[in-house]
C-alpha cells in the first residue's frame, strides 16, 4: 500500500488536503469518503456537497465512497442543482472490502 501511495503522489495523480478550498477548485472527480453521519431526522449530513458547490470551478463527477443512507445521491443532486453552475455527475461506489485487504480487493473486486 505504501508503495502505491508514494507512486501516486510522485506522479501528481494523488494529493491530499485538509481544507476543501485547497483541493477542490480544479478537481475532475471527487470522492466523498468521509463518514457521513445522519441527522436525527435520518437525513444525511451534506456538508461535503455544499463544499463542492462552493469550491469547484468546472465540470465534475462526485462519487459517494461509503455505504451511505438511501437517497444520499438525491440529496447531493439537489444541493448541486441549486448551487452549482457546472455540469456534474453522481456515482455511488460503496466499500465492500475486507479489513486489511482493501488494496487487493480493489484490484480484484470479484476475486
C-alpha atoms as a PDB file:
ATOM      1  CA  UNK A   1       0.000   0.000   0.000  1.00  0.00           C
ATOM      2  CA  UNK A   2       2.783   2.433   0.898  1.00  0.00           C
ATOM      3  CA  UNK A   3       4.438   1.939  -2.491  1.00  0.00           C
ATOM      4  CA  UNK A   4       1.147   2.630  -4.304  1.00  0.00           C
ATOM      5  CA  UNK A   5       0.604   5.826  -2.332  1.00  0.00           C
ATOM      6  CA  UNK A   6       4.155   7.016  -2.968  1.00  0.00           C
ATOM      7  CA  UNK A   7       3.840   6.288  -6.688  1.00  0.00           C
ATOM      8  CA  UNK A   8       0.543   8.200  -6.889  1.00  0.00           C
ATOM      9  CA  UNK A   9       1.956  11.195  -5.072  1.00  0.00           C
ATOM     10  CA  UNK A  10       5.198  11.238  -7.093  1.00  0.00           C
ATOM     11  CA  UNK A  11       3.238  11.183 -10.364  1.00  0.00           C
ATOM     12  CA  UNK A  12       0.994  14.034  -9.239  1.00  0.00           C
ATOM     13  CA  UNK A  13      -2.146  11.899  -9.631  1.00  0.00           C
ATOM     14  CA  UNK A  14      -2.776  11.657  -5.894  1.00  0.00           C
ATOM     15  CA  UNK A  15      -2.930  14.564  -3.493  1.00  0.00           C
ATOM     16  CA  UNK A  16      -4.270  15.073  -0.001  1.00  0.00           C
ATOM     17  CA  UNK A  17      -5.666  18.238   1.503  1.00  0.00           C
ATOM     18  CA  UNK A  18      -7.365  19.098   4.748  1.00  0.00           C
ATOM     19  CA  UNK A  19      -9.382  22.077   3.500  1.00  0.00           C
ATOM     20  CA  UNK A  20     -11.857  21.998   0.582  1.00  0.00           C
ATOM     21  CA  UNK A  21     -10.639  25.310  -0.851  1.00  0.00           C
ATOM     22  CA  UNK A  22      -7.156  23.820  -1.340  1.00  0.00           C
ATOM     23  CA  UNK A  23      -8.117  20.667  -3.218  1.00  0.00           C
ATOM     24  CA  UNK A  24     -11.491  21.098  -4.856  1.00  0.00           C
ATOM     25  CA  UNK A  25     -11.266  24.024  -7.299  1.00  0.00           C
ATOM     26  CA  UNK A  26      -9.829  22.126 -10.291  1.00  0.00           C
ATOM     27  CA  UNK A  27     -10.892  18.576  -9.404  1.00  0.00           C
ATOM     28  CA  UNK A  28     -12.437  16.416 -12.130  1.00  0.00           C
ATOM     29  CA  UNK A  29     -13.501  13.550  -9.840  1.00  0.00           C
ATOM     30  CA  UNK A  30     -14.243  13.958  -6.148  1.00  0.00           C
ATOM     31  CA  UNK A  31     -14.627  11.024  -3.801  1.00  0.00           C
ATOM     32  CA  UNK A  32     -16.705  11.758  -0.727  1.00  0.00           C
ATOM     33  CA  UNK A  33     -15.021   9.235   1.529  1.00  0.00           C
ATOM     34  CA  UNK A  34     -15.619  10.669   4.963  1.00  0.00           C
ATOM     35  CA  UNK A  35     -18.119   9.273   7.396  1.00  0.00           C
ATOM     36  CA  UNK A  36     -21.462  10.773   6.560  1.00  0.00           C
ATOM     37  CA  UNK A  37     -23.456  10.521   9.763  1.00  0.00           C
ATOM     38  CA  UNK A  38     -27.157  11.055   9.586  1.00  0.00           C
ATOM     39  CA  UNK A  39     -29.068  13.766  11.351  1.00  0.00           C
ATOM     40  CA  UNK A  40     -31.646  12.793  13.974  1.00  0.00           C
ATOM     41  CA  UNK A  41     -34.262  13.012  11.199  1.00  0.00           C
ATOM     42  CA  UNK A  42     -32.394  10.287   9.265  1.00  0.00           C
ATOM     43  CA  UNK A  43     -31.252  12.687   6.532  1.00  0.00           C
ATOM     44  CA  UNK A  44     -27.577  12.578   5.585  1.00  0.00           C
ATOM     45  CA  UNK A  45     -25.176  15.323   6.572  1.00  0.00           C
ATOM     46  CA  UNK A  46     -24.468  17.023   3.244  1.00  0.00           C
ATOM     47  CA  UNK A  47     -21.566  19.317   4.216  1.00  0.00           C
ATOM     48  CA  UNK A  48     -19.314  17.834   1.527  1.00  0.00           C
ATOM     49  CA  UNK A  49     -21.875  18.633  -1.193  1.00  0.00           C
ATOM     50  CA  UNK A  50     -22.046  22.266  -0.058  1.00  0.00           C
ATOM     51  CA  UNK A  51     -18.224  22.431  -0.114  1.00  0.00           C
ATOM     52  CA  UNK A  52     -18.196  21.058  -3.670  1.00  0.00           C
ATOM     53  CA  UNK A  53     -20.826  23.557  -4.823  1.00  0.00           C
ATOM     54  CA  UNK A  54     -18.866  26.401  -3.250  1.00  0.00           C
ATOM     55  CA  UNK A  55     -15.323  25.494  -4.294  1.00  0.00           C
ATOM     56  CA  UNK A  56     -15.266  23.557  -7.592  1.00  0.00           C
ATOM     57  CA  UNK A  57     -14.637  25.672 -10.693  1.00  0.00           C
ATOM     58  CA  UNK A  58     -15.543  23.241 -13.501  1.00  0.00           C
ATOM     59  CA  UNK A  59     -17.385  20.094 -14.512  1.00  0.00           C
ATOM     60  CA  UNK A  60     -17.028  17.262 -12.015  1.00  0.00           C
ATOM     61  CA  UNK A  61     -18.038  13.725 -11.107  1.00  0.00           C
ATOM     62  CA  UNK A  62     -18.915  13.239  -7.436  1.00  0.00           C
ATOM     63  CA  UNK A  63     -18.519   9.704  -6.077  1.00  0.00           C
ATOM     64  CA  UNK A  64     -20.067   8.569  -2.798  1.00  0.00           C
ATOM     65  CA  UNK A  65     -17.420   6.222  -1.444  1.00  0.00           C
ATOM     66  CA  UNK A  66     -19.060   4.933   1.713  1.00  0.00           C
ATOM     67  CA  UNK A  67     -22.188   2.963   2.360  1.00  0.00           C
ATOM     68  CA  UNK A  68     -24.499   5.906   2.974  1.00  0.00           C
ATOM     69  CA  UNK A  69     -28.192   6.286   3.771  1.00  0.00           C
ATOM     70  CA  UNK A  70     -30.650   5.619   0.955  1.00  0.00           C
ATOM     71  CA  UNK A  71     -31.211   8.665  -1.284  1.00  0.00           C
ATOM     72  CA  UNK A  72     -27.953  10.405  -0.311  1.00  0.00           C
ATOM     73  CA  UNK A  73     -27.204  10.824  -4.029  1.00  0.00           C
ATOM     74  CA  UNK A  74     -30.575  12.543  -4.420  1.00  0.00           C
ATOM     75  CA  UNK A  75     -29.685  14.986  -1.633  1.00  0.00           C
ATOM     76  CA  UNK A  76     -26.310  15.706  -3.262  1.00  0.00           C
ATOM     77  CA  UNK A  77     -28.007  16.218  -6.640  1.00  0.00           C
ATOM     78  CA  UNK A  78     -30.485  18.731  -5.190  1.00  0.00           C
ATOM     79  CA  UNK A  79     -27.729  20.725  -3.498  1.00  0.00           C
ATOM     80  CA  UNK A  80     -25.560  20.820  -6.619  1.00  0.00           C
ATOM     81  CA  UNK A  81     -28.521  21.570  -8.909  1.00  0.00           C
ATOM     82  CA  UNK A  82     -29.430  24.601  -6.828  1.00  0.00           C
ATOM     83  CA  UNK A  83     -25.918  25.967  -6.174  1.00  0.00           C
ATOM     84  CA  UNK A  84     -23.520  24.702  -8.863  1.00  0.00           C
ATOM     85  CA  UNK A  85     -23.092  26.332 -12.287  1.00  0.00           C
ATOM     86  CA  UNK A  86     -21.224  23.495 -13.977  1.00  0.00           C
ATOM     87  CA  UNK A  87     -22.097  20.044 -15.296  1.00  0.00           C
ATOM     88  CA  UNK A  88     -21.870  17.248 -12.748  1.00  0.00           C
ATOM     89  CA  UNK A  89     -22.499  13.546 -12.395  1.00  0.00           C
ATOM     90  CA  UNK A  90     -23.020  11.487  -9.287  1.00  0.00           C
ATOM     91  CA  UNK A  91     -21.855   7.910  -8.811  1.00  0.00           C
ATOM     92  CA  UNK A  92     -22.022   5.552  -5.874  1.00  0.00           C
ATOM     93  CA  UNK A  93     -19.128   3.248  -5.055  1.00  0.00           C
ATOM     94  CA  UNK A  94     -19.770   1.730  -1.617  1.00  0.00           C
ATOM     95  CA  UNK A  95     -16.945  -0.071   0.093  1.00  0.00           C
ATOM     96  CA  UNK A  96     -17.179  -3.804   0.359  1.00  0.00           C
ATOM     97  CA  UNK A  97     -13.599  -4.693   1.198  1.00  0.00           C
ATOM     98  CA  UNK A  98     -12.191  -6.924   3.868  1.00  0.00           C
ATOM     99  CA  UNK A  99     -10.244  -5.396   6.725  1.00  0.00           C
ATOM    100  CA  UNK A 100      -6.536  -5.427   5.904  1.00  0.00           C
ATOM    101  CA  UNK A 101      -7.217  -6.419   2.271  1.00  0.00           C
ATOM    102  CA  UNK A 102      -8.531  -3.157   0.779  1.00  0.00           C
ATOM    103  CA  UNK A 103      -5.837  -2.773  -1.892  1.00  0.00           C
ATOM    104  CA  UNK A 104      -6.023  -6.402  -3.001  1.00  0.00           C
ATOM    105  CA  UNK A 105      -9.836  -6.332  -3.003  1.00  0.00           C
ATOM    106  CA  UNK A 106      -9.820  -3.120  -5.076  1.00  0.00           C
ATOM    107  CA  UNK A 107      -7.688  -4.753  -7.777  1.00  0.00           C
ATOM    108  CA  UNK A 108      -9.708  -7.978  -7.766  1.00  0.00           C
ATOM    109  CA  UNK A 109     -13.255  -6.970  -6.785  1.00  0.00           C
ATOM    110  CA  UNK A 110     -14.798 -10.311  -7.731  1.00  0.00           C
ATOM    111  CA  UNK A 111     -11.819 -12.263  -6.535  1.00  0.00           C
END
